[in-house]
């Protein structure tokens, strides 16, 4: 991923916060401050991934509209090259600049097949690239370009429909995934603030806590609390990836869910430690 100005700003702010947190190293808020610094540093990268995914989805939707417009134009007897130039002015959202570039290249006399290859590379979308390959081959073979375009538009339409139906069908499972995770986190917090203090009161957590020892040394309640935090952070990260894979069929789409769950886990757990427990770090 290319580092942009937003990424550098986020990293600079994160570094400043982390360095500042060193002055609070023996206080309760140390862990919270350093965690916020890390979150701020990661946020621009997560935002970039989410934005890229959204733009990619918009390109696929707009390509369907672009293909439909070409079908209508070609069916009237207009050559495909002229049809592309004619639809240049229509709004295609994230795809508009690529369509305009394609039309300009054709206007300058660049062969359609070459222009479509450049268009495919610029758009950088597998689904759209497959459709463009079919259009290019049909144009070179001199077949019924109108029929090919119509088939391509229909295929893209079916693919788009299936994605939306899948997303709607799986939305309940996504909600259930969030609910299950937060129930899990609640159980961990109850163990941390209700059960551990009782065990601590009975056994003083010296040498052995319910048969658990750390290399023959003591296990403090804070060490166990931190272990619980790491557990739910890891659980949140991988739960988000699974939710993204189920919802959109793409692990990368799960980054936003992972980020949401990890940040929520960190903030809830750390604030709970500040109000109900000892130092968080």
Protein backbone atom coordinates (compact mmCIF):
# COMPACT_ATOMS: atom_id res chain seq x y z
CA UNK A 1 0.00 0.00 0.00
CA UNK A 2 1.33 3.40 -0.99
CA UNK A 3 1.79 5.70 2.00
CA UNK A 4 -0.12 8.96 1.54
CA UNK A 5 -0.20 12.21 3.49
CA UNK A 6 -3.05 10.96 5.71
CA UNK A 7 -1.00 7.88 6.66
CA UNK A 8 2.05 9.94 7.61
CA UNK A 9 -0.08 12.33 9.68
CA UNK A 10 -1.67 9.41 11.52
CA UNK A 11 1.73 7.82 12.20
CA UNK A 12 3.17 11.15 13.42
CA UNK A 13 0.25 11.74 15.82
CA UNK A 14 0.46 8.13 17.02
CA UNK A 15 4.19 8.43 17.68
CA UNK A 16 3.70 11.69 19.60
CA UNK A 17 0.97 10.10 21.77
CA UNK A 18 3.04 6.98 22.46
CA UNK A 19 6.09 9.04 23.44
CA UNK A 20 3.90 11.26 25.66
CA UNK A 21 2.43 8.17 27.35
CA UNK A 22 5.90 7.27 28.67
CA UNK A 23 5.55 10.13 31.18
CA UNK A 24 2.47 8.32 32.58
CA UNK A 25 4.08 4.88 32.72
CA UNK A 26 3.23 4.29 36.40
CA UNK A 27 -0.34 5.56 36.22
CA UNK A 28 -3.66 3.85 35.48
CA UNK A 29 -4.12 5.71 32.19
CA UNK A 30 -0.77 4.62 30.68
CA UNK A 31 -2.19 1.56 28.93
CA UNK A 32 -5.21 3.52 27.69
CA UNK A 33 -3.08 6.36 26.23
CA UNK A 34 -0.59 4.08 24.49
CA UNK A 35 -3.48 2.00 23.10
CA UNK A 36 -5.16 5.13 21.72
CA UNK A 37 -1.87 6.05 20.06
CA UNK A 38 -1.70 2.67 18.33
CA UNK A 39 -5.36 2.94 17.23
CA UNK A 40 -4.78 6.41 15.76
CA UNK A 41 -1.71 5.13 13.91
CA UNK A 42 -3.60 2.19 12.39
CA UNK A 43 -6.81 4.11 11.61
CA UNK A 44 -5.65 5.77 8.32
CA UNK A 45 -4.65 2.37 6.91
CA UNK A 46 -7.98 0.82 7.88
CA UNK A 47 -9.85 3.80 6.40
CA UNK A 48 -7.87 3.37 3.15
CA UNK A 49 -8.81 -0.33 2.92
CA UNK A 50 -12.50 0.43 3.61
CA UNK A 51 -12.50 3.26 1.04
CA UNK A 52 -10.79 1.06 -1.56
CA UNK A 53 -13.36 -1.71 -1.02
CA UNK A 54 -16.25 0.77 -1.32
CA UNK A 55 -14.84 2.27 -4.53
CA UNK A 56 -14.29 -1.21 -5.95
CA UNK A 57 -17.93 -2.12 -5.29
CA UNK A 58 -19.08 1.15 -6.83
CA UNK A 59 -17.02 0.47 -9.96
CA UNK A 60 -18.75 -2.88 -10.42
CA UNK A 61 -22.20 -1.28 -10.05
CA UNK A 62 -21.35 1.54 -12.47
CA UNK A 63 -19.84 -0.86 -15.00
CA UNK A 64 -23.25 -2.54 -15.22
CA UNK A 65 -24.79 0.84 -16.08
CA UNK A 66 -21.98 1.52 -18.58
CA UNK A 67 -22.55 -1.87 -20.28
CA UNK A 68 -26.31 -1.26 -20.49
CA UNK A 69 -25.78 2.12 -22.13
CA UNK A 70 -23.40 0.56 -24.65
CA UNK A 71 -25.94 -2.17 -25.44
CA UNK A 72 -28.66 0.42 -26.13
CA UNK A 73 -26.34 2.45 -28.36
CA UNK A 74 -24.89 -0.50 -30.30
CA UNK A 75 -28.37 -1.93 -30.92
CA UNK A 76 -29.31 1.24 -32.80
CA UNK A 77 -26.50 0.47 -35.26
CA UNK A 78 -23.83 2.75 -33.78
CA UNK A 79 -20.31 1.20 -33.80
CA UNK A 80 -19.00 0.31 -30.35
CA UNK A 81 -16.13 2.83 -30.57
CA UNK A 82 -18.56 5.65 -31.37
CA UNK A 83 -20.93 4.37 -28.65
CA UNK A 84 -18.19 4.64 -26.02
CA UNK A 85 -17.50 8.23 -27.08
CA UNK A 86 -21.24 9.01 -26.95
CA UNK A 87 -21.68 7.75 -23.34
CA UNK A 88 -18.58 9.60 -22.15
CA UNK A 89 -20.50 12.47 -20.57
CA UNK A 90 -22.80 10.30 -18.44
CA UNK A 91 -22.12 10.01 -14.71
CA UNK A 92 -20.57 6.71 -13.69
CA UNK A 93 -19.33 7.64 -10.24
CA UNK A 94 -15.93 6.09 -9.45
CA UNK A 95 -15.81 4.72 -13.01
CA UNK A 96 -16.29 8.10 -14.72
CA UNK A 97 -12.62 9.07 -15.02
CA UNK A 98 -11.78 5.67 -16.52
CA UNK A 99 -14.65 5.86 -19.05
CA UNK A 100 -13.59 9.39 -20.01
CA UNK A 101 -9.98 8.23 -20.50
CA UNK A 102 -11.19 5.28 -22.62
CA UNK A 103 -13.30 7.59 -24.81
CA UNK A 104 -10.43 10.07 -25.19
CA UNK A 105 -8.04 7.31 -26.27
CA UNK A 106 -10.49 6.06 -28.89
CA UNK A 107 -10.99 9.65 -30.11
CA UNK A 108 -7.21 9.93 -30.60
CA UNK A 109 -7.24 6.83 -32.80
CA UNK A 110 -5.95 4.23 -30.36
CA UNK A 111 -7.32 0.76 -31.31
CA UNK A 112 -10.28 -0.33 -29.21
CA UNK A 113 -8.57 -3.54 -28.04
CA UNK A 114 -5.55 -1.58 -26.75
CA UNK A 115 -7.77 1.04 -25.13
CA UNK A 116 -9.81 -1.68 -23.40
CA UNK A 117 -6.62 -3.29 -22.05
CA UNK A 118 -5.54 0.05 -20.56
CA UNK A 119 -9.06 0.55 -19.19
CA UNK A 120 -8.88 -2.89 -17.55
CA UNK A 121 -5.51 -2.15 -15.91
CA UNK A 122 -6.71 1.25 -14.66
CA UNK A 123 -9.93 -0.12 -13.17
CA UNK A 124 -8.04 -3.02 -11.53
CA UNK A 125 -11.12 -5.14 -10.88
CA UNK A 126 -11.22 -8.86 -11.71
CA UNK A 127 -14.94 -8.97 -12.51
CA UNK A 128 -14.75 -5.96 -14.85
CA UNK A 129 -11.53 -7.22 -16.47
CA UNK A 130 -13.16 -10.54 -17.41
CA UNK A 131 -16.03 -8.68 -19.08
CA UNK A 132 -13.66 -6.37 -20.96
CA UNK A 133 -11.69 -9.36 -22.29
CA UNK A 134 -14.91 -10.76 -23.79
CA UNK A 135 -15.79 -7.41 -25.37
CA UNK A 136 -12.28 -7.05 -26.83
CA UNK A 137 -12.27 -10.56 -28.27
CA UNK A 138 -15.74 -10.09 -29.78
CA UNK A 139 -14.66 -6.82 -31.41
CA UNK A 140 -11.52 -8.43 -32.88
CA UNK A 141 -13.46 -11.47 -34.13
CA UNK A 142 -16.03 -9.24 -35.81
CA UNK A 143 -18.99 -11.11 -34.32
CA UNK A 144 -22.31 -9.80 -33.09
CA UNK A 145 -20.91 -7.18 -30.73
CA UNK A 146 -24.40 -6.13 -29.67
CA UNK A 147 -25.27 -9.66 -28.58
CA UNK A 148 -21.93 -10.05 -26.77
CA UNK A 149 -22.44 -6.76 -24.95
CA UNK A 150 -25.93 -7.81 -23.95
CA UNK A 151 -24.60 -11.13 -22.60
CA UNK A 152 -21.86 -9.31 -20.68
CA UNK A 153 -24.38 -6.88 -19.19
CA UNK A 154 -26.64 -9.78 -18.20
CA UNK A 155 -23.74 -11.67 -16.61
CA UNK A 156 -22.66 -8.60 -14.62
CA UNK A 157 -26.27 -8.01 -13.58
CA UNK A 158 -26.66 -11.60 -12.34
CA UNK A 159 -23.36 -11.38 -10.44
CA UNK A 160 -24.46 -8.12 -8.82
CA UNK A 161 -27.84 -9.63 -7.91
CA UNK A 162 -26.23 -12.69 -6.34
CA UNK A 163 -23.90 -10.51 -4.26
CA UNK A 164 -26.79 -8.41 -2.95
CA UNK A 165 -28.92 -11.49 -2.22
CA UNK A 166 -26.03 -13.11 -0.39
CA UNK A 167 -25.40 -9.97 1.62
CA UNK A 168 -29.07 -9.72 2.59
CA UNK A 169 -29.26 -13.41 3.50
CA UNK A 170 -26.10 -13.30 5.58
CA UNK A 171 -26.88 -10.00 7.39
CA UNK A 172 -28.59 -11.89 10.22
CA UNK A 173 -25.47 -14.02 10.73
CA UNK A 174 -23.34 -10.85 10.82
CA UNK A 175 -25.51 -9.40 13.58
CA UNK A 176 -25.37 -12.72 15.42
CA UNK A 177 -21.58 -12.69 15.11
CA UNK A 178 -21.40 -9.29 16.80
CA UNK A 179 -23.86 -10.34 19.53
CA UNK A 180 -21.96 -13.58 20.24
CA UNK A 181 -18.67 -11.70 20.47
CA UNK A 182 -19.99 -9.07 22.89
CA UNK A 183 -21.57 -11.80 25.04
CA UNK A 184 -18.18 -13.53 25.09
CA UNK A 185 -16.51 -10.26 26.10
CA UNK A 186 -19.10 -9.71 28.85
CA UNK A 187 -18.40 -13.18 30.25
CA UNK A 188 -14.66 -12.44 30.30
CA UNK A 189 -15.22 -9.12 32.09
CA UNK A 190 -17.49 -10.78 34.66
CA UNK A 191 -14.76 -13.37 35.29
CA UNK A 192 -12.19 -10.61 35.60
CA UNK A 193 -14.08 -8.37 38.01
CA UNK A 194 -16.34 -10.82 39.85
CA UNK A 195 -14.73 -14.25 39.94
CA UNK A 196 -11.04 -13.33 40.15
CA UNK A 197 -11.48 -11.08 43.21
CA UNK A 198 -13.25 -13.96 45.00
CA UNK A 199 -10.43 -16.37 44.13
CA UNK A 200 -7.93 -13.71 45.16
CA UNK A 201 -9.66 -13.31 48.49
CA UNK A 202 -9.65 -17.03 49.17
CA UNK A 203 -6.19 -17.95 47.99
CA UNK A 204 -4.44 -14.56 47.95
CA UNK A 205 -3.19 -15.55 44.50
CA UNK A 206 0.14 -16.63 46.08
CA UNK A 207 2.13 -19.39 44.49
CA UNK A 208 -0.89 -21.06 42.96
CA UNK A 209 -4.33 -19.88 41.74
CA UNK A 210 -6.63 -22.84 41.29
CA UNK A 211 -3.55 -24.91 40.47
CA UNK A 212 -2.09 -22.39 38.00
CA UNK A 213 1.46 -21.15 38.55
CA UNK A 214 3.87 -19.02 36.54
CA UNK A 215 7.16 -20.92 36.56
CA UNK A 216 6.93 -21.40 40.31
CA UNK A 217 6.24 -17.70 40.90
CA UNK A 218 3.15 -15.75 41.76
CA UNK A 219 0.37 -14.92 39.33
CA UNK A 220 -1.09 -11.52 40.08
CA UNK A 221 -4.69 -10.64 39.33
CA UNK A 222 -3.39 -7.98 36.93
CA UNK A 223 -1.44 -10.56 34.92
CA UNK A 224 -4.58 -12.65 34.58
CA UNK A 225 -6.61 -9.55 33.66
CA UNK A 226 -4.11 -8.67 30.92
CA UNK A 227 -4.24 -12.25 29.66
CA UNK A 228 -8.03 -11.96 29.38
CA UNK A 229 -7.64 -8.68 27.47
CA UNK A 230 -5.20 -10.22 24.99
CA UNK A 231 -7.57 -13.16 24.58
CA UNK A 232 -10.58 -11.02 23.63
CA UNK A 233 -8.47 -8.74 21.40
CA UNK A 234 -7.31 -11.77 19.40
CA UNK A 235 -10.86 -13.15 19.40
CA UNK A 236 -12.20 -9.80 18.14
CA UNK A 237 -9.64 -9.58 15.33
CA UNK A 238 -10.34 -13.03 13.94
CA UNK A 239 -14.11 -12.77 14.51
CA UNK A 240 -14.09 -9.64 12.34
CA UNK A 241 -12.27 -11.44 9.54
CA UNK A 242 -14.78 -14.31 9.66
CA UNK A 243 -17.72 -11.87 9.63
CA UNK A 244 -16.26 -10.09 6.59
CA UNK A 245 -15.71 -13.37 4.76
CA UNK A 246 -19.29 -14.47 5.45
CA UNK A 247 -20.84 -11.11 4.54
CA UNK A 248 -18.91 -10.21 1.39
CA UNK A 249 -16.89 -13.31 0.53
CA UNK A 250 -13.65 -11.41 1.04
CA UNK A 251 -11.22 -11.56 3.98
CA UNK A 252 -10.11 -7.97 3.24
CA UNK A 253 -13.71 -6.81 3.75
CA UNK A 254 -13.43 -8.17 7.30
CA UNK A 255 -10.73 -5.63 8.23
CA UNK A 256 -13.37 -3.02 9.10
CA UNK A 257 -15.21 -5.52 11.33
CA UNK A 258 -11.94 -6.59 12.98
CA UNK A 259 -10.97 -2.97 13.60
CA UNK A 260 -14.41 -2.18 15.07
CA UNK A 261 -14.36 -5.17 17.41
CA UNK A 262 -10.74 -4.67 18.50
CA UNK A 263 -11.24 -0.95 19.23
CA UNK A 264 -14.52 -1.62 21.09
CA UNK A 265 -12.84 -4.41 23.08
CA UNK A 266 -9.85 -2.28 23.99
CA UNK A 267 -11.91 0.76 25.04
CA UNK A 268 -14.51 -1.22 27.03
CA UNK A 269 -11.94 -3.42 28.76
CA UNK A 270 -9.51 -0.60 29.54
CA UNK A 271 -12.24 1.71 30.85
CA UNK A 272 -13.59 -1.15 32.96
CA UNK A 273 -10.12 -1.62 34.42
CA UNK A 274 -9.89 2.09 35.21
CA UNK A 275 -13.20 2.13 37.07
CA UNK A 276 -13.34 -1.35 38.61
CA UNK A 277 -9.79 -2.66 38.70
CA UNK A 278 -6.20 -1.74 39.08
CA UNK A 279 -3.85 -0.23 36.52
CA UNK A 280 -4.46 -1.35 32.95
CA UNK A 281 -0.85 -1.89 31.95
